[in-house]
Amino acid sequence: MLAPQAQAPWEAKEKLRSAKDEDGRPRYRERDWAGWVLTGVPD
């Protein structure tokens, strides 16, 4: 099942924020996920 429209970008951003490299450091920097926003008309 697909996530609701507003939930999908949030889950994708959280996945990027929580990703760690082999040394336990964040894999992505804030600039990689901070700009994700939902646009359009909500369902």
PDB file of N, CA and C in Angstrom:
ATOM      1  N   MET A   1       0.839  -1.188   0.000  1.00  0.00           N
ATOM      2  CA  MET A   1       0.000   0.000   0.000  1.00  0.00           C
ATOM      3  C   MET A   1       0.878   1.244   0.000  1.00  0.00           C
ATOM      4  N   LEU A   2       0.491   2.226  -0.752  1.00  0.00           N
ATOM      5  CA  LEU A   2       1.226   3.479  -0.810  1.00  0.00           C
ATOM      6  C   LEU A   2       0.907   4.346   0.390  1.00  0.00           C
ATOM      7  N   ALA A   3       1.889   5.122   0.814  1.00  0.00           N
ATOM      8  CA  ALA A   3       1.683   6.047   1.930  1.00  0.00           C
ATOM      9  C   ALA A   3       0.825   7.215   1.475  1.00  0.00           C
ATOM     10  N   PRO A   4       0.075   7.816   2.397  1.00  0.00           N
ATOM     11  CA  PRO A   4      -0.674   9.018   2.028  1.00  0.00           C
ATOM     12  C   PRO A   4       0.277  10.077   1.473  1.00  0.00           C
ATOM     13  N   GLN A   5      -0.254  10.949   0.653  1.00  0.00           N
ATOM     14  CA  GLN A   5       0.557  11.924  -0.070  1.00  0.00           C
ATOM     15  C   GLN A   5       1.431  12.762   0.863  1.00  0.00           C
ATOM     16  N   ALA A   6       0.929  13.201   1.989  1.00  0.00           N
ATOM     17  CA  ALA A   6       1.709  14.027   2.911  1.00  0.00           C
ATOM     18  C   ALA A   6       2.737  13.209   3.681  1.00  0.00           C
ATOM     19  N   GLN A   7       2.518  11.934   3.837  1.00  0.00           N
ATOM     20  CA  GLN A   7       3.404  11.080   4.626  1.00  0.00           C
ATOM     21  C   GLN A   7       4.618  10.608   3.835  1.00  0.00           C
ATOM     22  N   ALA A   8       4.475  10.430   2.546  1.00  0.00           N
ATOM     23  CA  ALA A   8       5.555   9.893   1.715  1.00  0.00           C
ATOM     24  C   ALA A   8       6.823  10.744   1.749  1.00  0.00           C
ATOM     25  N   PRO A   9       6.753  12.080   1.549  1.00  0.00           N
ATOM     26  CA  PRO A   9       7.990  12.867   1.620  1.00  0.00           C
ATOM     27  C   PRO A   9       8.600  12.848   3.013  1.00  0.00           C
ATOM     28  N   TRP A  10       7.759  12.843   4.036  1.00  0.00           N
ATOM     29  CA  TRP A  10       8.253  12.799   5.411  1.00  0.00           C
ATOM     30  C   TRP A  10       9.044  11.513   5.648  1.00  0.00           C
ATOM     31  N   GLU A  11       8.512  10.393   5.223  1.00  0.00           N
ATOM     32  CA  GLU A  11       9.203   9.115   5.412  1.00  0.00           C
ATOM     33  C   GLU A  11      10.521   9.073   4.630  1.00  0.00           C
ATOM     34  N   ALA A  12      10.514   9.625   3.414  1.00  0.00           N
ATOM     35  CA  ALA A  12      11.743   9.659   2.616  1.00  0.00           C
ATOM     36  C   ALA A  12      12.802  10.521   3.290  1.00  0.00           C
ATOM     37  N   LYS A  13      12.393  11.660   3.825  1.00  0.00           N
ATOM     38  CA  LYS A  13      13.330  12.546   4.503  1.00  0.00           C
ATOM     39  C   LYS A  13      13.880  11.881   5.765  1.00  0.00           C
ATOM     40  N   GLU A  14      13.032  11.226   6.523  1.00  0.00           N
ATOM     41  CA  GLU A  14      13.486  10.527   7.734  1.00  0.00           C
ATOM     42  C   GLU A  14      14.473   9.411   7.400  1.00  0.00           C
ATOM     43  N   LYS A  15      14.247   8.738   6.295  1.00  0.00           N
ATOM     44  CA  LYS A  15      15.167   7.679   5.879  1.00  0.00           C
ATOM     45  C   LYS A  15      16.549   8.255   5.580  1.00  0.00           C
ATOM     46  N   LEU A  16      16.584   9.392   4.886  1.00  0.00           N
ATOM     47  CA  LEU A  16      17.865  10.049   4.617  1.00  0.00           C
ATOM     48  C   LEU A  16      18.518  10.548   5.904  1.00  0.00           C
ATOM     49  N   ARG A  17      17.726  11.131   6.796  1.00  0.00           N
ATOM     50  CA  ARG A  17      18.273  11.673   8.048  1.00  0.00           C
ATOM     51  C   ARG A  17      18.867  10.589   8.927  1.00  0.00           C
ATOM     52  N   SER A  18      18.295   9.409   8.905  1.00  0.00           N
ATOM     53  CA  SER A  18      18.751   8.346   9.802  1.00  0.00           C
ATOM     54  C   SER A  18      19.826   7.449   9.188  1.00  0.00           C
ATOM     55  N   ALA A  19      20.123   7.612   7.907  1.00  0.00           N
ATOM     56  CA  ALA A  19      21.127   6.768   7.245  1.00  0.00           C
ATOM     57  C   ALA A  19      22.520   7.062   7.795  1.00  0.00           C
ATOM     58  N   LYS A  20      23.248   6.023   8.123  1.00  0.00           N
ATOM     59  CA  LYS A  20      24.599   6.146   8.673  1.00  0.00           C
ATOM     60  C   LYS A  20      25.581   5.393   7.784  1.00  0.00           C
ATOM     61  N   ASP A  21      26.831   5.883   7.761  1.00  0.00           N
ATOM     62  CA  ASP A  21      27.856   5.157   7.024  1.00  0.00           C
ATOM     63  C   ASP A  21      28.431   4.051   7.908  1.00  0.00           C
ATOM     64  N   GLU A  22      29.454   3.356   7.419  1.00  0.00           N
ATOM     65  CA  GLU A  22      30.004   2.217   8.169  1.00  0.00           C
ATOM     66  C   GLU A  22      30.654   2.620   9.488  1.00  0.00           C
ATOM     67  N   ASP A  23      30.978   3.909   9.658  1.00  0.00           N
ATOM     68  CA  ASP A  23      31.565   4.399  10.907  1.00  0.00           C
ATOM     69  C   ASP A  23      30.528   4.993  11.847  1.00  0.00           C
ATOM     70  N   GLY A  24      29.269   4.950  11.466  1.00  0.00           N
ATOM     71  CA  GLY A  24      28.196   5.460  12.302  1.00  0.00           C
ATOM     72  C   GLY A  24      27.931   6.957  12.144  1.00  0.00           C
ATOM     73  N   ARG A  25      28.588   7.577  11.195  1.00  0.00           N
ATOM     74  CA  ARG A  25      28.358   8.999  10.937  1.00  0.00           C
ATOM     75  C   ARG A  25      27.195   9.154   9.974  1.00  0.00           C
ATOM     76  N   PRO A  26      26.523  10.310  10.038  1.00  0.00           N
ATOM     77  CA  PRO A  26      25.425  10.534   9.081  1.00  0.00           C
ATOM     78  C   PRO A  26      25.920  10.402   7.648  1.00  0.00           C
ATOM     79  N   ARG A  27      25.174   9.686   6.852  1.00  0.00           N
ATOM     80  CA  ARG A  27      25.551   9.465   5.456  1.00  0.00           C
ATOM     81  C   ARG A  27      25.242  10.694   4.595  1.00  0.00           C
ATOM     82  N   TYR A  28      24.183  11.415   4.940  1.00  0.00           N
ATOM     83  CA  TYR A  28      23.767  12.582   4.164  1.00  0.00           C
ATOM     84  C   TYR A  28      23.832  13.822   5.033  1.00  0.00           C
ATOM     85  N   ARG A  29      24.143  14.950   4.415  1.00  0.00           N
ATOM     86  CA  ARG A  29      24.180  16.221   5.116  1.00  0.00           C
ATOM     87  C   ARG A  29      22.798  16.857   5.061  1.00  0.00           C
ATOM     88  N   GLU A  30      22.600  17.845   5.902  1.00  0.00           N
ATOM     89  CA  GLU A  30      21.303  18.521   5.958  1.00  0.00           C
ATOM     90  C   GLU A  30      20.885  19.054   4.592  1.00  0.00           C
ATOM     91  N   ARG A  31      21.818  19.528   3.820  1.00  0.00           N
ATOM     92  CA  ARG A  31      21.473  20.080   2.500  1.00  0.00           C
ATOM     93  C   ARG A  31      20.865  19.023   1.579  1.00  0.00           C
ATOM     94  N   ASP A  32      21.111  17.741   1.863  1.00  0.00           N
ATOM     95  CA  ASP A  32      20.594  16.661   1.022  1.00  0.00           C
ATOM     96  C   ASP A  32      19.125  16.361   1.283  1.00  0.00           C
ATOM     97  N   TRP A  33      18.612  16.696   2.465  1.00  0.00           N
ATOM     98  CA  TRP A  33      17.229  16.354   2.772  1.00  0.00           C
ATOM     99  C   TRP A  33      16.382  17.532   3.209  1.00  0.00           C
ATOM    100  N   ALA A  34      16.961  18.650   3.594  1.00  0.00           N
ATOM    101  CA  ALA A  34      16.195  19.753   4.182  1.00  0.00           C
ATOM    102  C   ALA A  34      15.203  20.397   3.220  1.00  0.00           C
ATOM    103  N   GLY A  35      15.460  20.359   1.937  1.00  0.00           N
ATOM    104  CA  GLY A  35      14.591  21.032   0.981  1.00  0.00           C
ATOM    105  C   GLY A  35      13.383  20.243   0.520  1.00  0.00           C
ATOM    106  N   TRP A  36      13.166  19.058   1.056  1.00  0.00           N
ATOM    107  CA  TRP A  36      12.046  18.246   0.609  1.00  0.00           C
ATOM    108  C   TRP A  36      10.740  18.804   1.171  1.00  0.00           C
ATOM    109  N   VAL A  37       9.842  19.238   0.292  1.00  0.00           N
ATOM    110  CA  VAL A  37       8.545  19.755   0.696  1.00  0.00           C
ATOM    111  C   VAL A  37       7.480  19.175  -0.221  1.00  0.00           C
ATOM    112  N   LEU A  38       6.287  19.110   0.285  1.00  0.00           N
ATOM    113  CA  LEU A  38       5.156  18.628  -0.492  1.00  0.00           C
ATOM    114  C   LEU A  38       4.467  19.812  -1.151  1.00  0.00           C
ATOM    115  N   THR A  39       4.192  19.710  -2.434  1.00  0.00           N
ATOM    116  CA  THR A  39       3.465  20.762  -3.138  1.00  0.00           C
ATOM    117  C   THR A  39       2.257  20.160  -3.814  1.00  0.00           C
ATOM    118  N   GLY A  40       1.312  20.990  -4.107  1.00  0.00           N
ATOM    119  CA  GLY A  40       0.113  20.535  -4.788  1.00  0.00           C
ATOM    120  C   GLY A  40      -1.094  20.532  -3.872  1.00  0.00           C
ATOM    121  N   VAL A  41      -2.182  20.044  -4.391  1.00  0.00           N
ATOM    122  CA  VAL A  41      -3.436  19.999  -3.652  1.00  0.00           C
ATOM    123  C   VAL A  41      -3.502  18.706  -2.858  1.00  0.00           C
ATOM    124  N   PRO A  42      -3.737  18.788  -1.531  1.00  0.00           N
ATOM    125  CA  PRO A  42      -3.839  17.548  -0.738  1.00  0.00           C
ATOM    126  C   PRO A  42      -5.070  16.734  -1.134  1.00  0.00           C
ATOM    127  N   ASP A  43      -4.963  15.446  -0.954  1.00  0.00           N
ATOM    128  CA  ASP A  43      -6.096  14.557  -1.257  1.00  0.00           C
ATOM    129  C   ASP A  43      -7.167  14.665  -0.207  1.00  0.00           C
TER     130      ASP A  43
END
